[in-house]
PDB file of all heavy atoms in Angstrom:
ATOM      1  N   THR A   1      12.218  35.470 164.360  1.00  0.00           N
ATOM      2  CA  THR A   1      10.942  35.419 163.721  1.00  0.00           C
ATOM      3  C   THR A   1      11.108  35.304 162.210  1.00  0.00           C
ATOM      4  O   THR A   1      12.300  35.215 161.722  1.00  0.00           O
ATOM      5  CB  THR A   1      10.070  36.730 164.028  1.00  0.00           C
ATOM      6  OG1 THR A   1      10.762  37.786 163.573  1.00  0.00           O
ATOM      7  CG2 THR A   1       9.869  36.912 165.483  1.00  0.00           C
ATOM      8  N   ASP A   2      10.026  35.237 161.457  1.00  0.00           N
ATOM      9  CA  ASP A   2      10.051  35.016 160.089  1.00  0.00           C
ATOM     10  C   ASP A   2      10.095  36.329 159.270  1.00  0.00           C
ATOM     11  O   ASP A   2      10.069  36.389 158.055  1.00  0.00           O
ATOM     12  CB  ASP A   2       8.895  34.169 159.548  1.00  0.00           C
ATOM     13  CG  ASP A   2       7.590  34.855 159.948  1.00  0.00           C
ATOM     14  OD1 ASP A   2       7.504  35.771 160.609  1.00  0.00           O
ATOM     15  OD2 ASP A   2       6.614  34.073 159.548  1.00  0.00           O
ATOM     16  N   GLY A   3      10.057  37.489 159.945  1.00  0.00           N
ATOM     17  CA  GLY A   3      10.134  38.805 159.300  1.00  0.00           C
ATOM     18  C   GLY A   3       8.741  39.200 158.842  1.00  0.00           C
ATOM     19  O   GLY A   3       8.740  40.305 158.188  1.00  0.00           O
ATOM     20  N   ALA A   4       7.701  38.650 159.260  1.00  0.00           N
ATOM     21  CA  ALA A   4       6.482  39.154 158.995  1.00  0.00           C
ATOM     22  C   ALA A   4       5.974  40.480 159.719  1.00  0.00           C
ATOM     23  O   ALA A   4       6.694  40.762 160.662  1.00  0.00           O
ATOM     24  CB  ALA A   4       5.297  38.052 159.349  1.00  0.00           C
ATOM     25  N   ARG A   5       5.101  41.229 159.071  1.00  0.00           N
ATOM     26  CA  ARG A   5       4.884  42.556 159.624  1.00  0.00           C
ATOM     27  C   ARG A   5       4.292  42.471 161.023  1.00  0.00           C
ATOM     28  O   ARG A   5       4.705  43.316 161.911  1.00  0.00           O
ATOM     29  CB  ARG A   5       3.798  43.244 158.734  1.00  0.00           C
ATOM     30  CG  ARG A   5       3.459  44.662 159.154  1.00  0.00           C
ATOM     31  CD  ARG A   5       4.781  45.623 159.224  1.00  0.00           C
ATOM     32  NE  ARG A   5       5.258  45.747 157.892  1.00  0.00           N
ATOM     33  CZ  ARG A   5       5.004  46.693 157.057  1.00  0.00           C
ATOM     34  NH1 ARG A   5       3.927  47.432 157.231  1.00  0.00           N
ATOM     35  NH2 ARG A   5       5.518  46.662 155.787  1.00  0.00           N
ATOM     36  N   ALA A   6       3.537  41.475 161.293  1.00  0.00           N
ATOM     37  CA  ALA A   6       2.969  41.289 162.739  1.00  0.00           C
ATOM     38  C   ALA A   6       4.131  40.993 163.627  1.00  0.00           C
ATOM     39  O   ALA A   6       3.962  41.294 164.849  1.00  0.00           O
ATOM     40  CB  ALA A   6       1.966  40.157 162.669  1.00  0.00           C
ATOM     41  N   MET A   7       5.226  40.499 163.294  1.00  0.00           N
ATOM     42  CA  MET A   7       6.242  40.185 164.153  1.00  0.00           C
ATOM     43  C   MET A   7       7.235  41.335 164.280  1.00  0.00           C
ATOM     44  O   MET A   7       7.719  41.660 165.383  1.00  0.00           O
ATOM     45  CB  MET A   7       7.086  38.882 163.676  1.00  0.00           C
ATOM     46  CG  MET A   7       6.220  37.638 163.617  1.00  0.00           C
ATOM     47  SD  MET A   7       5.927  37.086 165.263  1.00  0.00           S
ATOM     48  CE  MET A   7       5.121  35.413 164.857  1.00  0.00           C
ATOM     49  N   THR A   8       7.588  42.022 163.193  1.00  0.00           N
ATOM     50  CA  THR A   8       8.616  42.915 163.151  1.00  0.00           C
ATOM     51  C   THR A   8       8.214  44.363 163.062  1.00  0.00           C
ATOM     52  O   THR A   8       8.949  45.329 162.787  1.00  0.00           O
ATOM     53  CB  THR A   8       9.669  42.714 161.982  1.00  0.00           C
ATOM     54  OG1 THR A   8       8.905  42.770 160.627  1.00  0.00           O
ATOM     55  CG2 THR A   8      10.202  41.336 162.055  1.00  0.00           C
ATOM     56  N   GLY A   9       6.915  44.621 163.272  1.00  0.00           N
ATOM     57  CA  GLY A   9       6.378  45.952 163.126  1.00  0.00           C
ATOM     58  C   GLY A   9       7.021  46.960 164.234  1.00  0.00           C
ATOM     59  O   GLY A   9       7.297  46.529 165.281  1.00  0.00           O
ATOM     60  N   ALA A  10       7.309  48.149 163.791  1.00  0.00           N
ATOM     61  CA  ALA A  10       8.127  49.016 164.662  1.00  0.00           C
ATOM     62  C   ALA A  10       7.317  49.485 165.834  1.00  0.00           C
ATOM     63  O   ALA A  10       7.933  49.806 166.945  1.00  0.00           O
ATOM     64  CB  ALA A  10       8.629  50.222 163.829  1.00  0.00           C
ATOM     65  N   THR A  11       6.114  49.624 165.719  1.00  0.00           N
ATOM     66  CA  THR A  11       5.240  50.003 166.801  1.00  0.00           C
ATOM     67  C   THR A  11       4.398  48.988 167.444  1.00  0.00           C
ATOM     68  O   THR A  11       4.431  48.771 168.596  1.00  0.00           O
ATOM     69  CB  THR A  11       4.241  51.101 166.312  1.00  0.00           C
ATOM     70  OG1 THR A  11       5.023  52.195 165.778  1.00  0.00           O
ATOM     71  CG2 THR A  11       3.475  51.785 167.391  1.00  0.00           C
ATOM     72  N   ALA A  12       3.658  48.229 166.680  1.00  0.00           N
ATOM     73  CA  ALA A  12       2.692  47.225 167.283  1.00  0.00           C
ATOM     74  C   ALA A  12       3.119  45.796 166.916  1.00  0.00           C
ATOM     75  O   ALA A  12       2.369  44.851 167.107  1.00  0.00           O
ATOM     76  CB  ALA A  12       1.279  47.474 166.582  1.00  0.00           C
ATOM     77  N   GLY A  13       4.439  45.606 166.428  1.00  0.00           N
ATOM     78  CA  GLY A  13       4.829  44.265 166.248  1.00  0.00           C
ATOM     79  C   GLY A  13       5.069  43.536 167.534  1.00  0.00           C
ATOM     80  O   GLY A  13       5.329  44.135 168.568  1.00  0.00           O
ATOM     81  N   ALA A  14       5.247  42.114 167.386  1.00  0.00           N
ATOM     82  CA  ALA A  14       5.320  41.402 168.645  1.00  0.00           C
ATOM     83  C   ALA A  14       6.771  41.695 169.201  1.00  0.00           C
ATOM     84  O   ALA A  14       6.958  41.742 170.496  1.00  0.00           O
ATOM     85  CB  ALA A  14       5.204  39.897 168.321  1.00  0.00           C
ATOM     86  N   ILE A  15       7.813  41.841 168.370  1.00  0.00           N
ATOM     87  CA  ILE A  15       9.160  42.117 168.997  1.00  0.00           C
ATOM     88  C   ILE A  15       9.276  43.492 169.582  1.00  0.00           C
ATOM     89  O   ILE A  15       9.834  43.628 170.662  1.00  0.00           O
ATOM     90  CB  ILE A  15      10.170  42.088 167.728  1.00  0.00           C
ATOM     91  CG1 ILE A  15      10.169  40.546 167.245  1.00  0.00           C
ATOM     92  CG2 ILE A  15      11.451  42.489 168.163  1.00  0.00           C
ATOM     93  CD1 ILE A  15      11.209  40.432 166.147  1.00  0.00           C
ATOM     94  N   ALA A  16       8.597  44.468 169.103  1.00  0.00           N
ATOM     95  CA  ALA A  16       8.566  45.713 169.656  1.00  0.00           C
ATOM     96  C   ALA A  16       7.897  45.708 171.018  1.00  0.00           C
ATOM     97  O   ALA A  16       8.475  46.412 172.047  1.00  0.00           O
ATOM     98  CB  ALA A  16       7.761  46.812 168.846  1.00  0.00           C
ATOM     99  N   LYS A  17       6.824  45.010 171.315  1.00  0.00           N
ATOM    100  CA  LYS A  17       6.266  44.835 172.584  1.00  0.00           C
ATOM    101  C   LYS A  17       7.070  44.073 173.537  1.00  0.00           C
ATOM    102  O   LYS A  17       7.159  44.326 174.644  1.00  0.00           O
ATOM    103  CB  LYS A  17       4.809  43.984 172.381  1.00  0.00           C
ATOM    104  CG  LYS A  17       3.873  44.730 171.441  1.00  0.00           C
ATOM    105  CD  LYS A  17       3.427  46.040 172.178  1.00  0.00           C
ATOM    106  CE  LYS A  17       2.288  46.740 171.427  1.00  0.00           C
ATOM    107  NZ  LYS A  17       1.892  48.038 172.005  1.00  0.00           N
ATOM    108  N   ILE A  18       7.913  43.057 172.995  1.00  0.00           N
ATOM    109  CA  ILE A  18       8.806  42.327 173.803  1.00  0.00           C
ATOM    110  C   ILE A  18       9.897  43.173 174.340  1.00  0.00           C
ATOM    111  O   ILE A  18      10.222  43.031 175.430  1.00  0.00           O
ATOM    112  CB  ILE A  18       9.306  41.159 173.080  1.00  0.00           C
ATOM    113  CG1 ILE A  18       8.150  40.005 172.808  1.00  0.00           C
ATOM    114  CG2 ILE A  18      10.480  40.374 173.825  1.00  0.00           C
ATOM    115  CD1 ILE A  18       8.634  38.920 171.865  1.00  0.00           C
ATOM    116  N   LYS A  19      10.382  43.953 173.512  1.00  0.00           N
ATOM    117  CA  LYS A  19      11.571  44.942 173.882  1.00  0.00           C
ATOM    118  C   LYS A  19      11.077  45.922 174.916  1.00  0.00           C
ATOM    119  O   LYS A  19      11.916  46.484 175.724  1.00  0.00           O
ATOM    120  CB  LYS A  19      12.066  45.540 172.655  1.00  0.00           C
ATOM    121  CG  LYS A  19      12.911  44.589 171.696  1.00  0.00           C
ATOM    122  CD  LYS A  19      13.459  45.384 170.583  1.00  0.00           C
ATOM    123  CE  LYS A  19      14.425  44.351 169.760  1.00  0.00           C
ATOM    124  NZ  LYS A  19      15.085  45.042 168.655  1.00  0.00           N
ATOM    125  N   GLU A  20       9.801  46.305 174.870  1.00  0.00           N
ATOM    126  CA  GLU A  20       9.208  47.128 175.864  1.00  0.00           C
ATOM    127  C   GLU A  20       9.338  46.401 177.329  1.00  0.00           C
ATOM    128  O   GLU A  20       9.481  47.110 178.278  1.00  0.00           O
ATOM    129  CB  GLU A  20       7.836  47.546 175.665  1.00  0.00           C
ATOM    130  CG  GLU A  20       7.624  48.383 174.444  1.00  0.00           C
ATOM    131  CD  GLU A  20       6.298  48.731 174.213  1.00  0.00           C
ATOM    132  OE1 GLU A  20       5.312  48.282 174.945  1.00  0.00           O
ATOM    133  OE2 GLU A  20       5.935  49.375 173.197  1.00  0.00           O
ATOM    134  N   LYS A  21       9.173  45.108 177.334  1.00  0.00           N
ATOM    135  CA  LYS A  21       9.296  44.314 178.459  1.00  0.00           C
ATOM    136  C   LYS A  21      10.731  44.142 178.990  1.00  0.00           C
ATOM    137  O   LYS A  21      11.008  44.163 180.127  1.00  0.00           O
ATOM    138  CB  LYS A  21       8.527  42.973 178.414  1.00  0.00           C
ATOM    139  CG  LYS A  21       7.127  43.059 178.291  1.00  0.00           C
ATOM    140  CD  LYS A  21       6.460  43.228 179.786  1.00  0.00           C
ATOM    141  CE  LYS A  21       4.930  43.128 179.700  1.00  0.00           C
ATOM    142  NZ  LYS A  21       4.293  43.223 180.881  1.00  0.00           N
ATOM    143  N   SER A  22      11.604  43.976 178.011  1.00  0.00           N
ATOM    144  CA  SER A  22      12.996  43.656 178.222  1.00  0.00           C
ATOM    145  C   SER A  22      13.932  44.385 177.304  1.00  0.00           C
ATOM    146  O   SER A  22      13.819  43.951 176.124  1.00  0.00           O
ATOM    147  CB  SER A  22      13.318  42.190 178.255  1.00  0.00           C
ATOM    148  OG  SER A  22      14.694  41.916 178.474  1.00  0.00           O
ATOM    149  N   ASN A  23      14.561  45.446 177.683  1.00  0.00           N
ATOM    150  CA  ASN A  23      15.418  46.160 176.800  1.00  0.00           C
ATOM    151  C   ASN A  23      16.577  45.448 176.145  1.00  0.00           C
ATOM    152  O   ASN A  23      17.076  45.708 175.270  1.00  0.00           O
ATOM    153  CB  ASN A  23      15.930  47.466 177.487  1.00  0.00           C
ATOM    154  CG  ASN A  23      14.830  48.396 177.886  1.00  0.00           C
ATOM    155  OD1 ASN A  23      13.729  48.474 177.071  1.00  0.00           O
ATOM    156  ND2 ASN A  23      14.848  49.194 178.858  1.00  0.00           N
ATOM    157  N   GLU A  24      17.008  44.407 177.031  1.00  0.00           N
ATOM    158  CA  GLU A  24      18.233  43.701 176.624  1.00  0.00           C
ATOM    159  C   GLU A  24      17.908  42.554 175.555  1.00  0.00           C
ATOM    160  O   GLU A  24      18.836  41.935 175.086  1.00  0.00           O
ATOM    161  CB  GLU A  24      18.833  43.021 177.867  1.00  0.00           C
ATOM    162  CG  GLU A  24      19.276  44.088 178.865  1.00  0.00           C
ATOM    163  CD  GLU A  24      19.890  43.439 180.031  1.00  0.00           C
ATOM    164  OE1 GLU A  24      19.951  42.160 180.073  1.00  0.00           O
ATOM    165  OE2 GLU A  24      20.398  44.179 180.945  1.00  0.00           O
ATOM    166  N   THR A  25      16.703  42.316 175.327  1.00  0.00           N
ATOM    167  CA  THR A  25      16.336  41.347 174.297  1.00  0.00           C
ATOM    168  C   THR A  25      16.542  41.798 172.881  1.00  0.00           C
ATOM    169  O   THR A  25      16.220  42.899 172.447  1.00  0.00           O
ATOM    170  CB  THR A  25      14.678  41.002 174.445  1.00  0.00           C
ATOM    171  OG1 THR A  25      14.559  40.521 175.713  1.00  0.00           O
ATOM    172  CG2 THR A  25      14.401  39.808 173.487  1.00  0.00           C
ATOM    173  N   THR A  26      17.207  41.001 172.072  1.00  0.00           N
ATOM    174  CA  THR A  26      17.589  41.315 170.646  1.00  0.00           C
ATOM    175  C   THR A  26      16.692  40.485 169.825  1.00  0.00           C
ATOM    176  O   THR A  26      15.949  39.518 170.202  1.00  0.00           O
ATOM    177  CB  THR A  26      19.080  40.954 170.329  1.00  0.00           C
ATOM    178  OG1 THR A  26      19.256  39.449 170.631  1.00  0.00           O
ATOM    179  CG2 THR A  26      19.968  41.810 171.181  1.00  0.00           C
ATOM    180  N   SER A  27      16.622  40.721 168.496  1.00  0.00           N
ATOM    181  CA  SER A  27      15.781  40.045 167.577  1.00  0.00           C
ATOM    182  C   SER A  27      16.674  39.608 166.369  1.00  0.00           C
ATOM    183  O   SER A  27      17.677  40.184 165.986  1.00  0.00           O
ATOM    184  CB  SER A  27      14.774  40.964 167.083  1.00  0.00           C
ATOM    185  OG  SER A  27      15.235  42.224 166.328  1.00  0.00           O
ATOM    186  N   SER A  28      16.341  38.582 165.716  1.00  0.00           N
ATOM    187  CA  SER A  28      16.980  38.054 164.507  1.00  0.00           C
ATOM    188  C   SER A  28      15.913  37.404 163.501  1.00  0.00           C
ATOM    189  O   SER A  28      14.825  37.117 163.893  1.00  0.00           O
ATOM    190  CB  SER A  28      17.979  36.912 164.968  1.00  0.00           C
ATOM    191  OG  SER A  28      17.337  35.805 165.560  1.00  0.00           O
ATOM    192  N   HIS A  29      16.444  37.229 162.330  1.00  0.00           N
ATOM    193  CA  HIS A  29      15.640  36.638 161.290  1.00  0.00           C
ATOM    194  C   HIS A  29      15.901  35.197 161.122  1.00  0.00           C
ATOM    195  O   HIS A  29      16.931  34.726 161.054  1.00  0.00           O
ATOM    196  CB  HIS A  29      15.913  37.281 159.944  1.00  0.00           C
ATOM    197  CG  HIS A  29      14.858  37.299 158.955  1.00  0.00           C
ATOM    198  ND1 HIS A  29      14.559  36.049 158.249  1.00  0.00           N
ATOM    199  CD2 HIS A  29      13.956  38.150 158.381  1.00  0.00           C
ATOM    200  CE1 HIS A  29      13.534  36.112 157.388  1.00  0.00           C
ATOM    201  NE2 HIS A  29      13.169  37.462 157.544  1.00  0.00           N
ATOM    202  N   CYS A  30      14.815  34.357 161.092  1.00  0.00           N
ATOM    203  CA  CYS A  30      14.855  32.939 160.920  1.00  0.00           C
ATOM    204  C   CYS A  30      15.747  32.543 159.689  1.00  0.00           C
ATOM    205  O   CYS A  30      15.467  33.064 158.599  1.00  0.00           O
ATOM    206  CB  CYS A  30      13.468  32.403 160.765  1.00  0.00           C
ATOM    207  SG  CYS A  30      13.461  30.581 160.646  1.00  0.00           S
ATOM    208  N   ILE A  31      16.633  31.675 159.783  1.00  0.00           N
ATOM    209  CA  ILE A  31      17.567  31.340 158.661  1.00  0.00           C
ATOM    210  C   ILE A  31      16.717  30.615 157.632  1.00  0.00           C
ATOM    211  O   ILE A  31      17.050  30.655 156.394  1.00  0.00           O
ATOM    212  CB  ILE A  31      18.690  30.326 159.250  1.00  0.00           C
ATOM    213  CG1 ILE A  31      19.614  30.018 158.188  1.00  0.00           C
ATOM    214  CG2 ILE A  31      18.048  28.995 159.802  1.00  0.00           C
ATOM    215  CD1 ILE A  31      20.290  31.180 157.713  1.00  0.00           C
ATOM    216  N   LEU A  32      15.683  29.941 157.886  1.00  0.00           N
ATOM    217  CA  LEU A  32      14.842  29.216 156.821  1.00  0.00           C
ATOM    218  C   LEU A  32      14.149  30.265 156.015  1.00  0.00           C
ATOM    219  O   LEU A  32      14.125  30.158 154.805  1.00  0.00           O
ATOM    220  CB  LEU A  32      13.989  28.301 157.476  1.00  0.00           C
ATOM    221  CG  LEU A  32      14.371  27.002 158.241  1.00  0.00           C
ATOM    222  CD1 LEU A  32      13.242  26.159 158.714  1.00  0.00           C
ATOM    223  CD2 LEU A  32      15.269  26.210 157.298  1.00  0.00           C
TER     224      LEU A  32
END
């Protein structure tokens, strides 16, 4: 993702919701 709050929020961020579905999923910051 681009590091926006909607993406990386610890509680309601999209990545946090994705990790609730799959614990093995990791996250990274877009190189651009």
